Amino acid sequence: MKTFKIGRTSVSVFIGDITTWTGDIIVNAANSGLLGGKGVDGAIHSAGGPEIMEQCMEIRKQQGGCPPGNAVITGAGRLPAQHIIHTVGPIWEGGGRREEHTLAECYRNSLLLAIEVGARSIAFPNISTGIYEYPKAPACDVALKAVTELLEEDLPDNRLDRIDFVCFSPDNEELYIHWLEQYTQEKETQV
């Protein structure tokens, strides 16, 4: 695990199982139907139990699902986190279909929703880099730019003091650590 300080928020990167993460909110890389699926979505639904699906079905009834880039919140069922923010990442189609914008919105909208509910900690998976096939390095760049830009906004209601990126592979972990090392070095030279 490697930890960086961005403002007053600690940002950590490590390989792990997001379903065992303890804190306020985990982010689920969901599908737009909120019906569970494969990858991290399937793991979260499986480990969290049927309560999560019931809440997702209620959201479907109210608003018809969750469009790409948006985020909705449910309880966490049997998971150790308190809540789950479900966000829908883009399917990679070569980069010409606003995938970068949509992926950035996933991170931004998840953070804004976490701030809205007063969360102090949140854990992200590597959204869209699994079965949605978003290339890992560009996805890392989009994710961390979105998160650092929001943290730099210094929003008055932001109580987040911990953001974790729970990676599923060593190459993802390495990309995130390298990006954050460069970011923090650039910030230090600007002071």
N, C-alpha and C. Protein backbone atom coordinates (compact mmCIF):
# COMPACT_ATOMS: atom_id res chain seq x y z
N MET A 1 0.85 -1.18 0.00
CA MET A 1 0.00 0.00 0.00
C MET A 1 0.89 1.24 0.00
N LYS A 2 0.47 2.22 -0.78
CA LYS A 2 1.18 3.49 -0.82
C LYS A 2 0.14 4.58 -0.61
N THR A 3 0.48 5.56 0.24
CA THR A 3 -0.46 6.62 0.59
C THR A 3 0.13 7.98 0.24
N PHE A 4 -0.73 8.84 -0.29
CA PHE A 4 -0.36 10.20 -0.68
C PHE A 4 -1.31 11.16 0.01
N LYS A 5 -0.85 12.38 0.25
CA LYS A 5 -1.69 13.40 0.87
C LYS A 5 -2.05 14.41 -0.20
N ILE A 6 -3.34 14.65 -0.39
CA ILE A 6 -3.82 15.68 -1.31
C ILE A 6 -4.71 16.59 -0.49
N GLY A 7 -4.18 17.77 -0.19
CA GLY A 7 -4.88 18.64 0.75
C GLY A 7 -4.91 17.95 2.10
N ARG A 8 -6.10 17.83 2.65
CA ARG A 8 -6.23 17.13 3.94
C ARG A 8 -6.66 15.67 3.77
N THR A 9 -6.78 15.22 2.53
CA THR A 9 -7.26 13.87 2.24
C THR A 9 -6.11 12.91 1.95
N SER A 10 -6.13 11.76 2.59
CA SER A 10 -5.17 10.70 2.30
C SER A 10 -5.71 9.86 1.15
N VAL A 11 -4.89 9.66 0.13
CA VAL A 11 -5.26 8.84 -1.02
C VAL A 11 -4.32 7.64 -1.06
N SER A 12 -4.88 6.44 -0.92
CA SER A 12 -4.09 5.22 -0.89
C SER A 12 -4.39 4.34 -2.08
N VAL A 13 -3.38 3.57 -2.47
CA VAL A 13 -3.49 2.64 -3.59
C VAL A 13 -2.97 1.29 -3.12
N PHE A 14 -3.76 0.25 -3.35
CA PHE A 14 -3.32 -1.09 -2.98
C PHE A 14 -4.13 -2.14 -3.74
N ILE A 15 -3.60 -3.36 -3.77
CA ILE A 15 -4.31 -4.49 -4.36
C ILE A 15 -5.17 -5.10 -3.26
N GLY A 16 -6.42 -5.39 -3.59
CA GLY A 16 -7.27 -5.99 -2.58
C GLY A 16 -8.63 -6.37 -3.11
N ASP A 17 -9.46 -6.76 -2.20
CA ASP A 17 -10.84 -7.17 -2.48
C ASP A 17 -11.75 -6.08 -1.91
N ILE A 18 -12.37 -5.32 -2.78
CA ILE A 18 -13.19 -4.19 -2.34
C ILE A 18 -14.37 -4.64 -1.48
N THR A 19 -14.78 -5.90 -1.61
CA THR A 19 -15.92 -6.38 -0.81
C THR A 19 -15.56 -6.55 0.66
N THR A 20 -14.27 -6.55 0.98
CA THR A 20 -13.86 -6.68 2.39
C THR A 20 -13.40 -5.35 2.98
N TRP A 21 -13.45 -4.29 2.20
CA TRP A 21 -12.98 -2.97 2.63
C TRP A 21 -13.90 -2.42 3.71
N THR A 22 -13.32 -1.83 4.73
CA THR A 22 -14.08 -1.26 5.83
C THR A 22 -14.00 0.26 5.77
N GLY A 23 -15.16 0.89 5.76
CA GLY A 23 -15.25 2.35 5.72
C GLY A 23 -16.67 2.75 5.40
N ASP A 24 -16.84 4.00 4.99
CA ASP A 24 -18.18 4.51 4.73
C ASP A 24 -18.79 4.00 3.43
N ILE A 25 -18.07 4.16 2.32
CA ILE A 25 -18.66 3.88 1.01
C ILE A 25 -17.69 3.13 0.11
N ILE A 26 -18.19 2.07 -0.53
CA ILE A 26 -17.45 1.48 -1.64
C ILE A 26 -18.20 1.85 -2.92
N VAL A 27 -17.45 1.98 -3.99
CA VAL A 27 -18.04 2.28 -5.29
C VAL A 27 -18.10 0.99 -6.09
N ASN A 28 -19.25 0.77 -6.70
CA ASN A 28 -19.48 -0.40 -7.54
C ASN A 28 -19.46 0.02 -9.00
N ALA A 29 -18.69 -0.67 -9.81
CA ALA A 29 -18.71 -0.47 -11.26
C ALA A 29 -19.90 -1.26 -11.80
N ALA A 30 -21.05 -0.62 -11.79
CA ALA A 30 -22.32 -1.26 -12.10
C ALA A 30 -22.63 -1.21 -13.60
N ASN A 31 -23.73 -1.87 -13.98
CA ASN A 31 -24.26 -1.71 -15.33
C ASN A 31 -25.49 -0.81 -15.23
N SER A 32 -25.93 -0.26 -16.35
CA SER A 32 -27.00 0.74 -16.31
C SER A 32 -28.33 0.18 -15.82
N GLY A 33 -28.51 -1.13 -15.89
CA GLY A 33 -29.74 -1.72 -15.39
C GLY A 33 -29.71 -2.00 -13.89
N LEU A 34 -28.56 -1.82 -13.27
CA LEU A 34 -28.38 -2.08 -11.83
C LEU A 34 -28.78 -3.52 -11.46
N LEU A 35 -28.55 -4.45 -12.37
CA LEU A 35 -29.00 -5.82 -12.18
C LEU A 35 -27.90 -6.77 -11.72
N GLY A 36 -26.76 -6.24 -11.32
CA GLY A 36 -25.65 -7.11 -11.00
C GLY A 36 -25.01 -7.56 -12.30
N GLY A 37 -23.88 -8.17 -12.21
CA GLY A 37 -23.20 -8.59 -13.43
C GLY A 37 -21.97 -9.39 -13.10
N LYS A 38 -20.93 -9.17 -13.89
CA LYS A 38 -19.67 -9.87 -13.69
C LYS A 38 -18.68 -8.93 -13.03
N GLY A 39 -17.48 -9.38 -12.85
CA GLY A 39 -16.42 -8.55 -12.30
C GLY A 39 -16.75 -8.04 -10.90
N VAL A 40 -16.34 -6.81 -10.63
CA VAL A 40 -16.55 -6.24 -9.30
C VAL A 40 -18.04 -6.13 -8.97
N ASP A 41 -18.87 -5.85 -9.95
CA ASP A 41 -20.32 -5.75 -9.74
C ASP A 41 -20.88 -7.07 -9.21
N GLY A 42 -20.52 -8.15 -9.85
CA GLY A 42 -20.97 -9.46 -9.40
C GLY A 42 -20.45 -9.82 -8.03
N ALA A 43 -19.18 -9.49 -7.78
CA ALA A 43 -18.58 -9.78 -6.47
C ALA A 43 -19.29 -9.01 -5.35
N ILE A 44 -19.61 -7.75 -5.60
CA ILE A 44 -20.30 -6.93 -4.59
C ILE A 44 -21.69 -7.47 -4.32
N HIS A 45 -22.44 -7.77 -5.36
CA HIS A 45 -23.79 -8.30 -5.17
C HIS A 45 -23.75 -9.66 -4.47
N SER A 46 -22.80 -10.50 -4.83
CA SER A 46 -22.70 -11.82 -4.23
C SER A 46 -22.34 -11.73 -2.74
N ALA A 47 -21.33 -10.95 -2.42
CA ALA A 47 -20.88 -10.83 -1.04
C ALA A 47 -21.87 -10.03 -0.18
N GLY A 48 -22.55 -9.07 -0.79
CA GLY A 48 -23.45 -8.20 -0.02
C GLY A 48 -24.83 -8.77 0.22
N GLY A 49 -25.22 -9.76 -0.57
CA GLY A 49 -26.52 -10.40 -0.38
C GLY A 49 -27.66 -9.74 -1.13
N PRO A 50 -28.86 -10.32 -1.03
CA PRO A 50 -30.01 -9.91 -1.83
C PRO A 50 -30.54 -8.50 -1.50
N GLU A 51 -30.22 -7.99 -0.34
CA GLU A 51 -30.68 -6.66 0.07
C GLU A 51 -30.21 -5.59 -0.93
N ILE A 52 -29.01 -5.75 -1.45
CA ILE A 52 -28.48 -4.77 -2.41
C ILE A 52 -29.31 -4.80 -3.69
N MET A 53 -29.60 -5.97 -4.19
CA MET A 53 -30.41 -6.09 -5.40
C MET A 53 -31.80 -5.52 -5.18
N GLU A 54 -32.39 -5.76 -4.03
CA GLU A 54 -33.71 -5.21 -3.73
C GLU A 54 -33.70 -3.69 -3.80
N GLN A 55 -32.67 -3.08 -3.25
CA GLN A 55 -32.56 -1.62 -3.29
C GLN A 55 -32.31 -1.13 -4.72
N CYS A 56 -31.51 -1.86 -5.47
CA CYS A 56 -31.28 -1.50 -6.88
C CYS A 56 -32.57 -1.59 -7.68
N MET A 57 -33.38 -2.60 -7.40
CA MET A 57 -34.66 -2.75 -8.11
C MET A 57 -35.59 -1.58 -7.77
N GLU A 58 -35.54 -1.11 -6.56
CA GLU A 58 -36.35 0.05 -6.16
C GLU A 58 -35.91 1.29 -6.93
N ILE A 59 -34.61 1.46 -7.09
CA ILE A 59 -34.10 2.59 -7.88
C ILE A 59 -34.54 2.45 -9.33
N ARG A 60 -34.49 1.24 -9.86
CA ARG A 60 -34.96 1.00 -11.24
C ARG A 60 -36.42 1.41 -11.40
N LYS A 61 -37.25 1.07 -10.40
CA LYS A 61 -38.67 1.44 -10.46
C LYS A 61 -38.84 2.95 -10.47
N GLN A 62 -38.02 3.64 -9.67
CA GLN A 62 -38.15 5.09 -9.53
C GLN A 62 -37.60 5.85 -10.72
N GLN A 63 -36.45 5.41 -11.25
CA GLN A 63 -35.81 6.21 -12.30
C GLN A 63 -35.34 5.41 -13.50
N GLY A 64 -35.64 4.12 -13.53
CA GLY A 64 -35.32 3.33 -14.71
C GLY A 64 -33.87 2.92 -14.86
N GLY A 65 -33.11 2.90 -13.80
CA GLY A 65 -31.71 2.48 -13.88
C GLY A 65 -30.77 3.64 -13.61
N CYS A 66 -29.57 3.52 -14.14
CA CYS A 66 -28.52 4.51 -13.90
C CYS A 66 -27.74 4.70 -15.20
N PRO A 67 -27.88 5.86 -15.84
CA PRO A 67 -27.16 6.08 -17.10
C PRO A 67 -25.64 6.15 -16.89
N PRO A 68 -24.86 5.84 -17.90
CA PRO A 68 -23.41 5.94 -17.79
C PRO A 68 -22.97 7.32 -17.30
N GLY A 69 -22.02 7.31 -16.36
CA GLY A 69 -21.50 8.55 -15.79
C GLY A 69 -22.23 9.00 -14.53
N ASN A 70 -23.43 8.48 -14.31
CA ASN A 70 -24.21 8.87 -13.13
C ASN A 70 -23.91 7.94 -11.97
N ALA A 71 -24.47 8.28 -10.80
CA ALA A 71 -24.23 7.48 -9.60
C ALA A 71 -25.47 7.47 -8.73
N VAL A 72 -25.73 6.33 -8.09
CA VAL A 72 -26.84 6.18 -7.14
C VAL A 72 -26.29 5.46 -5.91
N ILE A 73 -27.00 5.58 -4.80
CA ILE A 73 -26.51 5.00 -3.55
C ILE A 73 -27.51 4.02 -2.95
N THR A 74 -26.97 2.95 -2.36
CA THR A 74 -27.78 1.97 -1.64
C THR A 74 -27.06 1.64 -0.34
N GLY A 75 -27.73 0.84 0.49
CA GLY A 75 -27.06 0.26 1.63
C GLY A 75 -26.05 -0.76 1.14
N ALA A 76 -25.29 -1.33 2.07
CA ALA A 76 -24.23 -2.27 1.69
C ALA A 76 -24.54 -3.71 2.03
N GLY A 77 -25.77 -3.99 2.46
CA GLY A 77 -26.10 -5.38 2.78
C GLY A 77 -25.16 -5.95 3.83
N ARG A 78 -24.59 -7.11 3.53
CA ARG A 78 -23.70 -7.79 4.48
C ARG A 78 -22.24 -7.32 4.39
N LEU A 79 -21.94 -6.35 3.55
CA LEU A 79 -20.56 -5.88 3.40
C LEU A 79 -20.16 -5.01 4.59
N PRO A 80 -18.87 -4.91 4.89
CA PRO A 80 -18.44 -4.10 6.03
C PRO A 80 -18.55 -2.59 5.80
N ALA A 81 -18.67 -2.15 4.56
CA ALA A 81 -18.88 -0.72 4.29
C ALA A 81 -20.30 -0.35 4.72
N GLN A 82 -20.55 0.94 4.84
CA GLN A 82 -21.88 1.40 5.24
C GLN A 82 -22.84 1.54 4.04
N HIS A 83 -22.29 1.96 2.91
CA HIS A 83 -23.10 2.20 1.71
C HIS A 83 -22.33 1.77 0.47
N ILE A 84 -23.07 1.64 -0.63
CA ILE A 84 -22.48 1.39 -1.94
C ILE A 84 -22.96 2.50 -2.87
N ILE A 85 -22.03 3.12 -3.56
CA ILE A 85 -22.38 4.01 -4.66
C ILE A 85 -22.19 3.21 -5.93
N HIS A 86 -23.26 3.08 -6.69
CA HIS A 86 -23.23 2.36 -7.96
C HIS A 86 -23.05 3.39 -9.07
N THR A 87 -22.01 3.24 -9.86
CA THR A 87 -21.80 4.14 -10.99
C THR A 87 -21.56 3.30 -12.23
N VAL A 88 -21.95 3.85 -13.37
CA VAL A 88 -21.88 3.09 -14.62
C VAL A 88 -20.81 3.69 -15.52
N GLY A 89 -19.73 2.95 -15.67
CA GLY A 89 -18.63 3.40 -16.52
C GLY A 89 -18.92 3.15 -17.99
N PRO A 90 -18.12 3.77 -18.84
CA PRO A 90 -18.30 3.58 -20.28
C PRO A 90 -17.72 2.27 -20.76
N ILE A 91 -18.32 1.72 -21.78
CA ILE A 91 -17.73 0.60 -22.51
C ILE A 91 -16.76 1.22 -23.51
N TRP A 92 -15.53 0.74 -23.54
CA TRP A 92 -14.52 1.29 -24.45
C TRP A 92 -14.87 0.95 -25.89
N GLU A 93 -15.00 1.99 -26.70
CA GLU A 93 -15.30 1.80 -28.13
C GLU A 93 -14.28 2.53 -28.99
N GLY A 94 -13.06 2.66 -28.48
CA GLY A 94 -12.00 3.28 -29.26
C GLY A 94 -11.70 4.71 -28.86
N GLY A 95 -12.49 5.30 -28.01
CA GLY A 95 -12.22 6.65 -27.52
C GLY A 95 -12.99 7.76 -28.20
N GLY A 96 -13.76 7.45 -29.22
CA GLY A 96 -14.48 8.49 -29.95
C GLY A 96 -15.91 8.71 -29.50
N ARG A 97 -16.33 8.07 -28.43
CA ARG A 97 -17.72 8.17 -27.98
C ARG A 97 -17.82 8.78 -26.58
N ARG A 98 -16.98 9.76 -26.32
CA ARG A 98 -16.98 10.49 -25.04
C ARG A 98 -16.71 9.59 -23.83
N GLU A 99 -15.97 8.51 -24.07
CA GLU A 99 -15.66 7.60 -22.96
C GLU A 99 -14.89 8.31 -21.84
N GLU A 100 -13.94 9.17 -22.21
CA GLU A 100 -13.16 9.88 -21.20
C GLU A 100 -14.05 10.75 -20.32
N HIS A 101 -14.93 11.51 -20.95
CA HIS A 101 -15.86 12.37 -20.20
C HIS A 101 -16.75 11.54 -19.28
N THR A 102 -17.29 10.45 -19.81
CA THR A 102 -18.19 9.59 -19.02
C THR A 102 -17.46 8.98 -17.83
N LEU A 103 -16.24 8.51 -18.05
CA LEU A 103 -15.48 7.91 -16.95
C LEU A 103 -15.17 8.96 -15.88
N ALA A 104 -14.78 10.14 -16.28
CA ALA A 104 -14.51 11.22 -15.31
C ALA A 104 -15.77 11.53 -14.51
N GLU A 105 -16.92 11.53 -15.17
CA GLU A 105 -18.18 11.79 -14.47
C GLU A 105 -18.49 10.70 -13.44
N CYS A 106 -18.10 9.47 -13.72
CA CYS A 106 -18.29 8.39 -12.74
C CYS A 106 -17.60 8.73 -11.43
N TYR A 107 -16.35 9.14 -11.52
CA TYR A 107 -15.58 9.46 -10.32
C TYR A 107 -16.11 10.73 -9.66
N ARG A 108 -16.35 11.75 -10.46
CA ARG A 108 -16.82 13.03 -9.91
C ARG A 108 -18.19 12.86 -9.24
N ASN A 109 -19.13 12.24 -9.93
CA ASN A 109 -20.48 12.08 -9.37
C ASN A 109 -20.49 11.17 -8.14
N SER A 110 -19.62 10.17 -8.14
CA SER A 110 -19.51 9.31 -6.95
C SER A 110 -19.00 10.11 -5.76
N LEU A 111 -17.98 10.92 -5.99
CA LEU A 111 -17.44 11.74 -4.90
C LEU A 111 -18.46 12.77 -4.42
N LEU A 112 -19.16 13.40 -5.34
CA LEU A 112 -20.17 14.40 -4.95
C LEU A 112 -21.28 13.76 -4.14
N LEU A 113 -21.69 12.56 -4.50
CA LEU A 113 -22.72 11.85 -3.75
C LEU A 113 -22.20 11.46 -2.36
N ALA A 114 -20.95 11.02 -2.29
CA ALA A 114 -20.34 10.69 -1.00
C ALA A 114 -20.28 11.92 -0.10
N ILE A 115 -19.91 13.05 -0.67
CA ILE A 115 -19.86 14.30 0.09
C ILE A 115 -21.26 14.69 0.57
N GLU A 116 -22.23 14.53 -0.32
CA GLU A 116 -23.63 14.87 0.01
C GLU A 116 -24.14 14.11 1.22
N VAL A 117 -23.74 12.85 1.36
CA VAL A 117 -24.21 12.04 2.50
C VAL A 117 -23.27 12.12 3.70
N GLY A 118 -22.24 12.97 3.62
CA GLY A 118 -21.36 13.19 4.75
C GLY A 118 -20.30 12.13 4.98
N ALA A 119 -19.96 11.37 3.95
CA ALA A 119 -18.96 10.31 4.10
C ALA A 119 -17.58 10.88 4.41
N ARG A 120 -16.82 10.10 5.16
CA ARG A 120 -15.44 10.46 5.47
C ARG A 120 -14.44 9.58 4.71
N SER A 121 -14.93 8.42 4.20
CA SER A 121 -14.04 7.52 3.47
C SER A 121 -14.79 6.87 2.32
N ILE A 122 -14.03 6.60 1.25
CA ILE A 122 -14.61 5.99 0.05
C ILE A 122 -13.53 5.14 -0.62
N ALA A 123 -13.96 4.02 -1.20
CA ALA A 123 -13.04 3.14 -1.93
C ALA A 123 -13.55 2.95 -3.35
N PHE A 124 -12.65 3.13 -4.30
CA PHE A 124 -12.97 2.95 -5.72
C PHE A 124 -12.29 1.71 -6.27
N PRO A 125 -13.00 0.97 -7.15
CA PRO A 125 -12.32 -0.04 -7.97
C PRO A 125 -11.76 0.66 -9.20
N ASN A 126 -11.15 -0.08 -10.09
CA ASN A 126 -10.66 0.48 -11.35
C ASN A 126 -11.81 0.41 -12.36
N ILE A 127 -12.63 1.43 -12.37
CA ILE A 127 -13.88 1.45 -13.15
C ILE A 127 -13.60 1.32 -14.65
N SER A 128 -14.35 0.45 -15.28
CA SER A 128 -14.37 0.21 -16.74
C SER A 128 -13.15 -0.50 -17.30
N THR A 129 -12.16 -0.87 -16.47
CA THR A 129 -10.95 -1.48 -17.01
C THR A 129 -11.02 -3.00 -17.09
N GLY A 130 -12.12 -3.58 -16.64
CA GLY A 130 -12.29 -5.02 -16.72
C GLY A 130 -13.04 -5.39 -17.99
N ILE A 131 -14.26 -5.89 -17.82
CA ILE A 131 -15.03 -6.36 -18.98
C ILE A 131 -15.43 -5.23 -19.94
N TYR A 132 -15.40 -3.97 -19.47
CA TYR A 132 -15.70 -2.84 -20.35
C TYR A 132 -14.49 -2.40 -21.17
N GLU A 133 -13.33 -3.00 -20.90
CA GLU A 133 -12.11 -2.92 -21.71
C GLU A 133 -11.53 -1.52 -21.93
N TYR A 134 -11.77 -0.60 -21.00
CA TYR A 134 -11.11 0.71 -21.09
C TYR A 134 -9.62 0.48 -20.84
N PRO A 135 -8.74 1.00 -21.70
CA PRO A 135 -7.31 0.78 -21.48
C PRO A 135 -6.87 1.30 -20.11
N LYS A 136 -6.06 0.52 -19.42
CA LYS A 136 -5.74 0.80 -18.02
C LYS A 136 -5.03 2.13 -17.79
N ALA A 137 -4.02 2.45 -18.58
CA ALA A 137 -3.27 3.69 -18.34
C ALA A 137 -4.14 4.93 -18.55
N PRO A 138 -4.87 5.04 -19.66
CA PRO A 138 -5.74 6.20 -19.81
C PRO A 138 -6.84 6.25 -18.74
N ALA A 139 -7.36 5.10 -18.33
CA ALA A 139 -8.39 5.07 -17.29
C ALA A 139 -7.83 5.59 -15.97
N CYS A 140 -6.61 5.22 -15.65
CA CYS A 140 -5.94 5.71 -14.44
C CYS A 140 -5.82 7.23 -14.50
N ASP A 141 -5.38 7.74 -15.63
CA ASP A 141 -5.21 9.18 -15.81
C ASP A 141 -6.54 9.92 -15.60
N VAL A 142 -7.60 9.42 -16.21
CA VAL A 142 -8.92 10.03 -16.08
C VAL A 142 -9.39 9.98 -14.63
N ALA A 143 -9.26 8.83 -14.00
CA ALA A 143 -9.73 8.65 -12.62
C ALA A 143 -9.03 9.62 -11.67
N LEU A 144 -7.72 9.64 -11.73
CA LEU A 144 -6.97 10.45 -10.77
C LEU A 144 -7.08 11.94 -11.06
N LYS A 145 -7.19 12.34 -12.33
CA LYS A 145 -7.44 13.75 -12.63
C LYS A 145 -8.79 14.19 -12.06
N ALA A 146 -9.81 13.36 -12.25
CA ALA A 146 -11.14 13.70 -11.75
C ALA A 146 -11.14 13.84 -10.23
N VAL A 147 -10.49 12.92 -9.55
CA VAL A 147 -10.46 12.94 -8.09
C VAL A 147 -9.64 14.12 -7.57
N THR A 148 -8.44 14.32 -8.12
CA THR A 148 -7.61 15.41 -7.62
C THR A 148 -8.23 16.77 -7.93
N GLU A 149 -8.85 16.92 -9.09
CA GLU A 149 -9.50 18.19 -9.42
C GLU A 149 -10.63 18.49 -8.45
N LEU A 150 -11.41 17.48 -8.11
CA LEU A 150 -12.50 17.71 -7.15
C LEU A 150 -11.94 18.05 -5.77
N LEU A 151 -10.90 17.37 -5.35
CA LEU A 151 -10.29 17.67 -4.05
C LEU A 151 -9.72 19.09 -4.03
N GLU A 152 -9.18 19.55 -5.15
CA GLU A 152 -8.63 20.90 -5.22
C GLU A 152 -9.71 21.98 -5.19
N GLU A 153 -10.96 21.61 -5.47
CA GLU A 153 -12.05 22.58 -5.42
C GLU A 153 -12.35 23.04 -4.00
N ASP A 154 -11.90 22.27 -3.01
CA ASP A 154 -12.09 22.62 -1.60
C ASP A 154 -13.56 22.92 -1.30
N LEU A 155 -14.42 21.97 -1.61
CA LEU A 155 -15.85 22.12 -1.38
C LEU A 155 -16.14 22.22 0.12
N PRO A 156 -16.99 23.15 0.52
CA PRO A 156 -17.22 23.38 1.96
C PRO A 156 -17.79 22.18 2.71
N ASP A 157 -18.59 21.35 2.08
CA ASP A 157 -19.21 20.20 2.75
C ASP A 157 -18.35 18.94 2.69
N ASN A 158 -17.18 19.02 2.07
CA ASN A 158 -16.33 17.84 1.90
C ASN A 158 -15.70 17.43 3.22
N ARG A 159 -16.11 16.27 3.72
CA ARG A 159 -15.54 15.71 4.95
C ARG A 159 -14.65 14.50 4.66
N LEU A 160 -14.44 14.21 3.38
CA LEU A 160 -13.63 13.04 3.01
C LEU A 160 -12.19 13.21 3.49
N ASP A 161 -11.75 12.30 4.32
CA ASP A 161 -10.35 12.33 4.74
C ASP A 161 -9.59 11.11 4.24
N ARG A 162 -10.30 10.19 3.56
CA ARG A 162 -9.65 8.97 3.04
C ARG A 162 -10.30 8.53 1.74
N ILE A 163 -9.49 8.40 0.70
CA ILE A 163 -9.93 7.84 -0.58
C ILE A 163 -8.97 6.70 -0.92
N ASP A 164 -9.52 5.52 -1.11
CA ASP A 164 -8.70 4.36 -1.44
C ASP A 164 -9.02 3.88 -2.85
N PHE A 165 -7.98 3.54 -3.59
CA PHE A 165 -8.14 2.89 -4.88
C PHE A 165 -7.74 1.44 -4.68
N VAL A 166 -8.74 0.56 -4.71
CA VAL A 166 -8.54 -0.86 -4.48
C VAL A 166 -8.36 -1.53 -5.84
N CYS A 167 -7.12 -1.80 -6.19
CA CYS A 167 -6.78 -2.33 -7.51
C CYS A 167 -6.91 -3.85 -7.54
N PHE A 168 -7.21 -4.38 -8.72
CA PHE A 168 -7.35 -5.83 -8.85
C PHE A 168 -6.13 -6.48 -9.48
N SER A 169 -5.14 -5.67 -9.88
CA SER A 169 -3.94 -6.26 -10.47
C SER A 169 -2.72 -5.40 -10.15
N PRO A 170 -1.55 -6.03 -10.14
CA PRO A 170 -0.32 -5.27 -9.87
C PRO A 170 -0.07 -4.16 -10.90
N ASP A 171 -0.42 -4.39 -12.17
CA ASP A 171 -0.17 -3.35 -13.17
C ASP A 171 -1.06 -2.12 -12.93
N ASN A 172 -2.31 -2.33 -12.50
CA ASN A 172 -3.15 -1.18 -12.15
C ASN A 172 -2.58 -0.45 -10.94
N GLU A 173 -2.18 -1.20 -9.93
CA GLU A 173 -1.61 -0.57 -8.74
C GLU A 173 -0.39 0.27 -9.12
N GLU A 174 0.48 -0.27 -9.94
CA GLU A 174 1.69 0.43 -10.37
C GLU A 174 1.35 1.73 -11.12
N LEU A 175 0.36 1.67 -12.01
CA LEU A 175 -0.06 2.86 -12.76
C LEU A 175 -0.54 3.96 -11.82
N TYR A 176 -1.39 3.61 -10.87
CA TYR A 176 -1.95 4.60 -9.94
C TYR A 176 -0.86 5.20 -9.05
N ILE A 177 0.04 4.37 -8.56
CA ILE A 177 1.13 4.88 -7.71
C ILE A 177 2.02 5.82 -8.50
N HIS A 178 2.40 5.43 -9.70
CA HIS A 178 3.27 6.26 -10.54
C HIS A 178 2.60 7.61 -10.82
N TRP A 179 1.33 7.60 -11.18
CA TRP A 179 0.61 8.85 -11.47
C TRP A 179 0.60 9.76 -10.23
N LEU A 180 0.29 9.21 -9.08
CA LEU A 180 0.22 10.01 -7.85
C LEU A 180 1.60 10.51 -7.42
N GLU A 181 2.64 9.73 -7.66
CA GLU A 181 3.99 10.21 -7.36
C GLU A 181 4.33 11.42 -8.21
N GLN A 182 4.01 11.36 -9.50
CA GLN A 182 4.26 12.50 -10.38
C GLN A 182 3.43 13.72 -9.96
N TYR A 183 2.17 13.49 -9.65
CA TYR A 183 1.27 14.59 -9.25
C TYR A 183 1.80 15.29 -8.00
N THR A 184 2.18 14.52 -6.98
CA THR A 184 2.63 15.13 -5.73
C THR A 184 3.98 15.84 -5.92
N GLN A 185 4.85 15.29 -6.78
CA GLN A 185 6.12 15.97 -7.07
C GLN A 185 5.87 17.30 -7.78
N GLU A 186 4.95 17.33 -8.74
CA GLU A 186 4.63 18.57 -9.44
C GLU A 186 4.05 19.61 -8.48
N LYS A 187 3.20 19.18 -7.56
CA LYS A 187 2.61 20.10 -6.59
C LYS A 187 3.68 20.67 -5.66
N GLU A 188 4.64 19.84 -5.27
CA GLU A 188 5.71 20.31 -4.39
C GLU A 188 6.57 21.35 -5.07
N THR A 189 6.82 21.21 -6.38
CA THR A 189 7.65 22.19 -7.09
C THR A 189 6.89 23.48 -7.35
N GLN A 190 5.55 23.45 -7.29
CA GLN A 190 4.76 24.66 -7.51
C GLN A 190 4.69 25.54 -6.26
N VAL A 191 5.04 24.98 -5.10
CA VAL A 191 4.93 25.73 -3.85
C VAL A 191 6.05 26.73 -3.72
